[in-house]
Amino acid sequence: MYKIIKGKSISGEIEYRVSDGSVGERSVSYDFKTIEDAQEIVIKLNLEEEHGQVWNTKELQQDFTVQ
């Protein structure tokens, strides 16, 4: 199950990571500048995981990773 982890970027800005595990235990995470963006994708990922579908990771990173 994916979850949102609030953290700080190297520059000190607040960011939200949608991750499949805790720090040190995760295999993938996606960074967002707003909690709203993170909530939108965590819901989609969890629904798809629950129903046996998997997103294309490259496509997800391209669409949702903070630039």
PDB file of N, CA and C in Angstrom:
ATOM      1  N   MET A   1       0.838  -1.172   0.000  1.00  0.00           N
ATOM      2  CA  MET A   1       0.000   0.000   0.000  1.00  0.00           C
ATOM      3  C   MET A   1       0.891   1.246   0.000  1.00  0.00           C
ATOM      4  N   TYR A   2       0.558   2.184  -0.854  1.00  0.00           N
ATOM      5  CA  TYR A   2       1.302   3.438  -0.928  1.00  0.00           C
ATOM      6  C   TYR A   2       0.858   4.384   0.175  1.00  0.00           C
ATOM      7  N   LYS A   3       1.774   5.232   0.606  1.00  0.00           N
ATOM      8  CA  LYS A   3       1.468   6.222   1.630  1.00  0.00           C
ATOM      9  C   LYS A   3       2.197   7.515   1.314  1.00  0.00           C
ATOM     10  N   ILE A   4       1.812   8.579   2.012  1.00  0.00           N
ATOM     11  CA  ILE A   4       2.436   9.890   1.816  1.00  0.00           C
ATOM     12  C   ILE A   4       3.363  10.163   2.989  1.00  0.00           C
ATOM     13  N   ILE A   5       4.585  10.544   2.657  1.00  0.00           N
ATOM     14  CA  ILE A   5       5.581  10.896   3.664  1.00  0.00           C
ATOM     15  C   ILE A   5       5.958  12.354   3.447  1.00  0.00           C
ATOM     16  N   LYS A   6       5.763  13.173   4.484  1.00  0.00           N
ATOM     17  CA  LYS A   6       6.112  14.593   4.402  1.00  0.00           C
ATOM     18  C   LYS A   6       7.595  14.740   4.734  1.00  0.00           C
ATOM     19  N   GLY A   7       8.310  15.513   3.925  1.00  0.00           N
ATOM     20  CA  GLY A   7       9.735  15.710   4.165  1.00  0.00           C
ATOM     21  C   GLY A   7      10.195  17.062   3.660  1.00  0.00           C
ATOM     22  N   LYS A   8      11.494  17.256   3.685  1.00  0.00           N
ATOM     23  CA  LYS A   8      12.098  18.491   3.174  1.00  0.00           C
ATOM     24  C   LYS A   8      13.070  18.147   2.061  1.00  0.00           C
ATOM     25  N   SER A   9      13.075  18.997   1.052  1.00  0.00           N
ATOM     26  CA  SER A   9      14.027  18.835  -0.044  1.00  0.00           C
ATOM     27  C   SER A   9      15.401  19.319   0.423  1.00  0.00           C
ATOM     28  N   ILE A  10      16.393  19.109  -0.405  1.00  0.00           N
ATOM     29  CA  ILE A  10      17.752  19.563  -0.092  1.00  0.00           C
ATOM     30  C   ILE A  10      17.777  21.075   0.112  1.00  0.00           C
ATOM     31  N   SER A  11      16.914  21.788  -0.623  1.00  0.00           N
ATOM     32  CA  SER A  11      16.864  23.248  -0.505  1.00  0.00           C
ATOM     33  C   SER A  11      16.017  23.709   0.689  1.00  0.00           C
ATOM     34  N   GLY A  12      15.443  22.761   1.450  1.00  0.00           N
ATOM     35  CA  GLY A  12      14.687  23.105   2.640  1.00  0.00           C
ATOM     36  C   GLY A  12      13.191  23.284   2.434  1.00  0.00           C
ATOM     37  N   GLU A  13      12.716  23.070   1.212  1.00  0.00           N
ATOM     38  CA  GLU A  13      11.285  23.205   0.933  1.00  0.00           C
ATOM     39  C   GLU A  13      10.534  21.951   1.374  1.00  0.00           C
ATOM     40  N   ILE A  14       9.297  22.129   1.838  1.00  0.00           N
ATOM     41  CA  ILE A  14       8.448  20.995   2.192  1.00  0.00           C
ATOM     42  C   ILE A  14       8.065  20.264   0.901  1.00  0.00           C
ATOM     43  N   GLU A  15       8.134  18.934   0.942  1.00  0.00           N
ATOM     44  CA  GLU A  15       7.679  18.136  -0.188  1.00  0.00           C
ATOM     45  C   GLU A  15       6.970  16.906   0.349  1.00  0.00           C
ATOM     46  N   TYR A  16       6.188  16.296  -0.505  1.00  0.00           N
ATOM     47  CA  TYR A  16       5.400  15.130  -0.134  1.00  0.00           C
ATOM     48  C   TYR A  16       5.797  13.979  -1.042  1.00  0.00           C
ATOM     49  N   ARG A  17       6.165  12.855  -0.442  1.00  0.00           N
ATOM     50  CA  ARG A  17       6.595  11.688  -1.205  1.00  0.00           C
ATOM     51  C   ARG A  17       5.524  10.608  -1.135  1.00  0.00           C
ATOM     52  N   VAL A  18       5.085  10.155  -2.291  1.00  0.00           N
ATOM     53  CA  VAL A  18       4.201   9.008  -2.351  1.00  0.00           C
ATOM     54  C   VAL A  18       5.122   7.807  -2.488  1.00  0.00           C
ATOM     55  N   SER A  19       5.068   6.927  -1.497  1.00  0.00           N
ATOM     56  CA  SER A  19       6.046   5.848  -1.389  1.00  0.00           C
ATOM     57  C   SER A  19       5.363   4.523  -1.099  1.00  0.00           C
ATOM     58  N   ASP A  20       6.013   3.440  -1.524  1.00  0.00           N
ATOM     59  CA  ASP A  20       5.475   2.112  -1.247  1.00  0.00           C
ATOM     60  C   ASP A  20       6.053   1.520   0.042  1.00  0.00           C
ATOM     61  N   GLY A  21       6.728   2.318   0.836  1.00  0.00           N
ATOM     62  CA  GLY A  21       7.270   1.854   2.115  1.00  0.00           C
ATOM     63  C   GLY A  21       7.921   2.997   2.874  1.00  0.00           C
ATOM     64  N   SER A  22       8.366   2.688   4.075  1.00  0.00           N
ATOM     65  CA  SER A  22       9.050   3.684   4.893  1.00  0.00           C
ATOM     66  C   SER A  22      10.467   3.915   4.389  1.00  0.00           C
ATOM     67  N   VAL A  23      11.105   4.978   4.858  1.00  0.00           N
ATOM     68  CA  VAL A  23      12.480   5.273   4.478  1.00  0.00           C
ATOM     69  C   VAL A  23      13.345   4.063   4.806  1.00  0.00           C
ATOM     70  N   GLY A  24      14.150   3.650   3.858  1.00  0.00           N
ATOM     71  CA  GLY A  24      15.011   2.483   4.029  1.00  0.00           C
ATOM     72  C   GLY A  24      14.351   1.168   3.645  1.00  0.00           C
ATOM     73  N   GLU A  25      13.022   1.181   3.470  1.00  0.00           N
ATOM     74  CA  GLU A  25      12.289  -0.029   3.119  1.00  0.00           C
ATOM     75  C   GLU A  25      11.546   0.094   1.795  1.00  0.00           C
ATOM     76  N   ARG A  26      11.544   1.283   1.207  1.00  0.00           N
ATOM     77  CA  ARG A  26      10.755   1.490  -0.005  1.00  0.00           C
ATOM     78  C   ARG A  26      11.539   1.112  -1.259  1.00  0.00           C
ATOM     79  N   SER A  27      10.791   0.769  -2.297  1.00  0.00           N
ATOM     80  CA  SER A  27      11.434   0.476  -3.569  1.00  0.00           C
ATOM     81  C   SER A  27      11.173   1.566  -4.599  1.00  0.00           C
ATOM     82  N   VAL A  28      10.161   2.409  -4.337  1.00  0.00           N
ATOM     83  CA  VAL A  28       9.848   3.491  -5.266  1.00  0.00           C
ATOM     84  C   VAL A  28       9.171   4.623  -4.501  1.00  0.00           C
ATOM     85  N   SER A  29       9.415   5.860  -4.944  1.00  0.00           N
ATOM     86  CA  SER A  29       8.687   7.006  -4.393  1.00  0.00           C
ATOM     87  C   SER A  29       8.630   8.104  -5.450  1.00  0.00           C
ATOM     88  N   TYR A  30       7.601   8.944  -5.334  1.00  0.00           N
ATOM     89  CA  TYR A  30       7.376  10.043  -6.255  1.00  0.00           C
ATOM     90  C   TYR A  30       7.215  11.310  -5.431  1.00  0.00           C
ATOM     91  N   ASP A  31       7.867  12.385  -5.831  1.00  0.00           N
ATOM     92  CA  ASP A  31       7.884  13.629  -5.071  1.00  0.00           C
ATOM     93  C   ASP A  31       6.891  14.645  -5.628  1.00  0.00           C
ATOM     94  N   PHE A  32       6.213  15.354  -4.715  1.00  0.00           N
ATOM     95  CA  PHE A  32       5.232  16.373  -5.086  1.00  0.00           C
ATOM     96  C   PHE A  32       5.427  17.610  -4.235  1.00  0.00           C
ATOM     97  N   LYS A  33       5.082  18.756  -4.808  1.00  0.00           N
ATOM     98  CA  LYS A  33       5.189  20.022  -4.070  1.00  0.00           C
ATOM     99  C   LYS A  33       3.974  20.275  -3.197  1.00  0.00           C
ATOM    100  N   THR A  34       2.813  19.698  -3.536  1.00  0.00           N
ATOM    101  CA  THR A  34       1.598  19.950  -2.754  1.00  0.00           C
ATOM    102  C   THR A  34       1.012  18.643  -2.241  1.00  0.00           C
ATOM    103  N   ILE A  35       0.358  18.718  -1.091  1.00  0.00           N
ATOM    104  CA  ILE A  35      -0.303  17.557  -0.511  1.00  0.00           C
ATOM    105  C   ILE A  35      -1.453  17.098  -1.410  1.00  0.00           C
ATOM    106  N   GLU A  36      -2.113  18.033  -2.064  1.00  0.00           N
ATOM    107  CA  GLU A  36      -3.236  17.691  -2.940  1.00  0.00           C
ATOM    108  C   GLU A  36      -2.790  16.802  -4.096  1.00  0.00           C
ATOM    109  N   ASP A  37      -1.652  17.143  -4.722  1.00  0.00           N
ATOM    110  CA  ASP A  37      -1.130  16.320  -5.813  1.00  0.00           C
ATOM    111  C   ASP A  37      -0.747  14.933  -5.309  1.00  0.00           C
ATOM    112  N   ALA A  38      -0.125  14.881  -4.145  1.00  0.00           N
ATOM    113  CA  ALA A  38       0.273  13.597  -3.563  1.00  0.00           C
ATOM    114  C   ALA A  38      -0.946  12.747  -3.232  1.00  0.00           C
ATOM    115  N   GLN A  39      -1.985  13.363  -2.671  1.00  0.00           N
ATOM    116  CA  GLN A  39      -3.195  12.621  -2.326  1.00  0.00           C
ATOM    117  C   GLN A  39      -3.871  12.045  -3.559  1.00  0.00           C
ATOM    118  N   GLU A  40      -3.892  12.813  -4.630  1.00  0.00           N
ATOM    119  CA  GLU A  40      -4.517  12.344  -5.868  1.00  0.00           C
ATOM    120  C   GLU A  40      -3.838  11.073  -6.375  1.00  0.00           C
ATOM    121  N   ILE A  41      -2.519  11.077  -6.411  1.00  0.00           N
ATOM    122  CA  ILE A  41      -1.816   9.919  -6.965  1.00  0.00           C
ATOM    123  C   ILE A  41      -1.793   8.744  -5.994  1.00  0.00           C
ATOM    124  N   VAL A  42      -1.732   8.984  -4.684  1.00  0.00           N
ATOM    125  CA  VAL A  42      -1.725   7.864  -3.737  1.00  0.00           C
ATOM    126  C   VAL A  42      -3.051   7.109  -3.820  1.00  0.00           C
ATOM    127  N   ILE A  43      -4.141   7.821  -4.014  1.00  0.00           N
ATOM    128  CA  ILE A  43      -5.447   7.168  -4.165  1.00  0.00           C
ATOM    129  C   ILE A  43      -5.455   6.314  -5.426  1.00  0.00           C
ATOM    130  N   LYS A  44      -4.992   6.872  -6.544  1.00  0.00           N
ATOM    131  CA  LYS A  44      -4.963   6.124  -7.805  1.00  0.00           C
ATOM    132  C   LYS A  44      -4.079   4.884  -7.703  1.00  0.00           C
ATOM    133  N   LEU A  45      -2.893   5.046  -7.135  1.00  0.00           N
ATOM    134  CA  LEU A  45      -1.974   3.910  -7.016  1.00  0.00           C
ATOM    135  C   LEU A  45      -2.540   2.810  -6.124  1.00  0.00           C
ATOM    136  N   ASN A  46      -3.140   3.187  -5.012  1.00  0.00           N
ATOM    137  CA  ASN A  46      -3.693   2.189  -4.103  1.00  0.00           C
ATOM    138  C   ASN A  46      -4.897   1.477  -4.720  1.00  0.00           C
ATOM    139  N   LEU A  47      -5.734   2.200  -5.448  1.00  0.00           N
ATOM    140  CA  LEU A  47      -6.855   1.561  -6.131  1.00  0.00           C
ATOM    141  C   LEU A  47      -6.363   0.575  -7.183  1.00  0.00           C
ATOM    142  N   GLU A  48      -5.381   0.977  -7.949  1.00  0.00           N
ATOM    143  CA  GLU A  48      -4.857   0.090  -8.980  1.00  0.00           C
ATOM    144  C   GLU A  48      -4.142  -1.112  -8.381  1.00  0.00           C
ATOM    145  N   GLU A  49      -3.415  -0.909  -7.288  1.00  0.00           N
ATOM    146  CA  GLU A  49      -2.739  -2.020  -6.627  1.00  0.00           C
ATOM    147  C   GLU A  49      -3.773  -3.016  -6.079  1.00  0.00           C
ATOM    148  N   GLU A  50      -4.827  -2.492  -5.510  1.00  0.00           N
ATOM    149  CA  GLU A  50      -5.889  -3.325  -4.934  1.00  0.00           C
ATOM    150  C   GLU A  50      -6.590  -4.169  -6.001  1.00  0.00           C
ATOM    151  N   HIS A  51      -6.695  -3.627  -7.206  1.00  0.00           N
ATOM    152  CA  HIS A  51      -7.409  -4.315  -8.279  1.00  0.00           C
ATOM    153  C   HIS A  51      -6.475  -5.044  -9.245  1.00  0.00           C
ATOM    154  N   GLY A  52      -5.206  -5.180  -8.867  1.00  0.00           N
ATOM    155  CA  GLY A  52      -4.275  -5.979  -9.653  1.00  0.00           C
ATOM    156  C   GLY A  52      -3.694  -5.322 -10.877  1.00  0.00           C
ATOM    157  N   GLN A  53      -3.793  -4.011 -10.977  1.00  0.00           N
ATOM    158  CA  GLN A  53      -3.219  -3.309 -12.117  1.00  0.00           C
ATOM    159  C   GLN A  53      -1.975  -2.566 -11.676  1.00  0.00           C
ATOM    160  N   VAL A  54      -1.029  -2.406 -12.573  1.00  0.00           N
ATOM    161  CA  VAL A  54       0.218  -1.712 -12.257  1.00  0.00           C
ATOM    162  C   VAL A  54       0.428  -0.595 -13.267  1.00  0.00           C
ATOM    163  N   TRP A  55       0.785   0.593 -12.752  1.00  0.00           N
ATOM    164  CA  TRP A  55       1.095   1.717 -13.633  1.00  0.00           C
ATOM    165  C   TRP A  55       2.464   1.521 -14.254  1.00  0.00           C
ATOM    166  N   ASN A  56       2.646   2.090 -15.436  1.00  0.00           N
ATOM    167  CA  ASN A  56       3.955   2.145 -16.068  1.00  0.00           C
ATOM    168  C   ASN A  56       4.791   3.150 -15.269  1.00  0.00           C
ATOM    169  N   THR A  57       5.833   2.681 -14.608  1.00  0.00           N
ATOM    170  CA  THR A  57       6.614   3.524 -13.703  1.00  0.00           C
ATOM    171  C   THR A  57       7.253   4.709 -14.429  1.00  0.00           C
ATOM    172  N   LYS A  58       7.808   4.494 -15.621  1.00  0.00           N
ATOM    173  CA  LYS A  58       8.419   5.606 -16.359  1.00  0.00           C
ATOM    174  C   LYS A  58       7.387   6.671 -16.677  1.00  0.00           C
ATOM    175  N   GLU A  59       6.205   6.243 -17.103  1.00  0.00           N
ATOM    176  CA  GLU A  59       5.139   7.186 -17.429  1.00  0.00           C
ATOM    177  C   GLU A  59       4.708   7.949 -16.180  1.00  0.00           C
ATOM    178  N   LEU A  60       4.589   7.270 -15.064  1.00  0.00           N
ATOM    179  CA  LEU A  60       4.194   7.904 -13.811  1.00  0.00           C
ATOM    180  C   LEU A  60       5.226   8.942 -13.387  1.00  0.00           C
ATOM    181  N   GLN A  61       6.487   8.597 -13.451  1.00  0.00           N
ATOM    182  CA  GLN A  61       7.545   9.543 -13.073  1.00  0.00           C
ATOM    183  C   GLN A  61       7.509  10.762 -13.970  1.00  0.00           C
ATOM    184  N   GLN A  62       7.331  10.547 -15.257  1.00  0.00           N
ATOM    185  CA  GLN A  62       7.324  11.657 -16.196  1.00  0.00           C
ATOM    186  C   GLN A  62       6.129  12.583 -15.933  1.00  0.00           C
ATOM    187  N   ASP A  63       4.981  12.006 -15.617  1.00  0.00           N
ATOM    188  CA  ASP A  63       3.778  12.799 -15.415  1.00  0.00           C
ATOM    189  C   ASP A  63       3.720  13.493 -14.067  1.00  0.00           C
ATOM    190  N   PHE A  64       4.296  12.884 -13.001  1.00  0.00           N
ATOM    191  CA  PHE A  64       4.030  13.375 -11.670  1.00  0.00           C
ATOM    192  C   PHE A  64       5.250  13.809 -10.858  1.00  0.00           C
ATOM    193  N   THR A  65       6.466  13.560 -11.317  1.00  0.00           N
ATOM    194  CA  THR A  65       7.635  13.945 -10.542  1.00  0.00           C
ATOM    195  C   THR A  65       7.831  15.458 -10.603  1.00  0.00           C
ATOM    196  N   VAL A  66       8.125  16.046  -9.454  1.00  0.00           N
ATOM    197  CA  VAL A  66       8.369  17.492  -9.373  1.00  0.00           C
ATOM    198  C   VAL A  66       9.577  17.832 -10.219  1.00  0.00           C
ATOM    199  N   GLN A  67       9.434  18.852 -11.035  1.00  0.00           N
ATOM    200  CA  GLN A  67      10.529  19.278 -11.911  1.00  0.00           C
ATOM    201  C   GLN A  67      11.367  20.342 -11.235  1.00  0.00           C
TER     202      GLN A  67
END
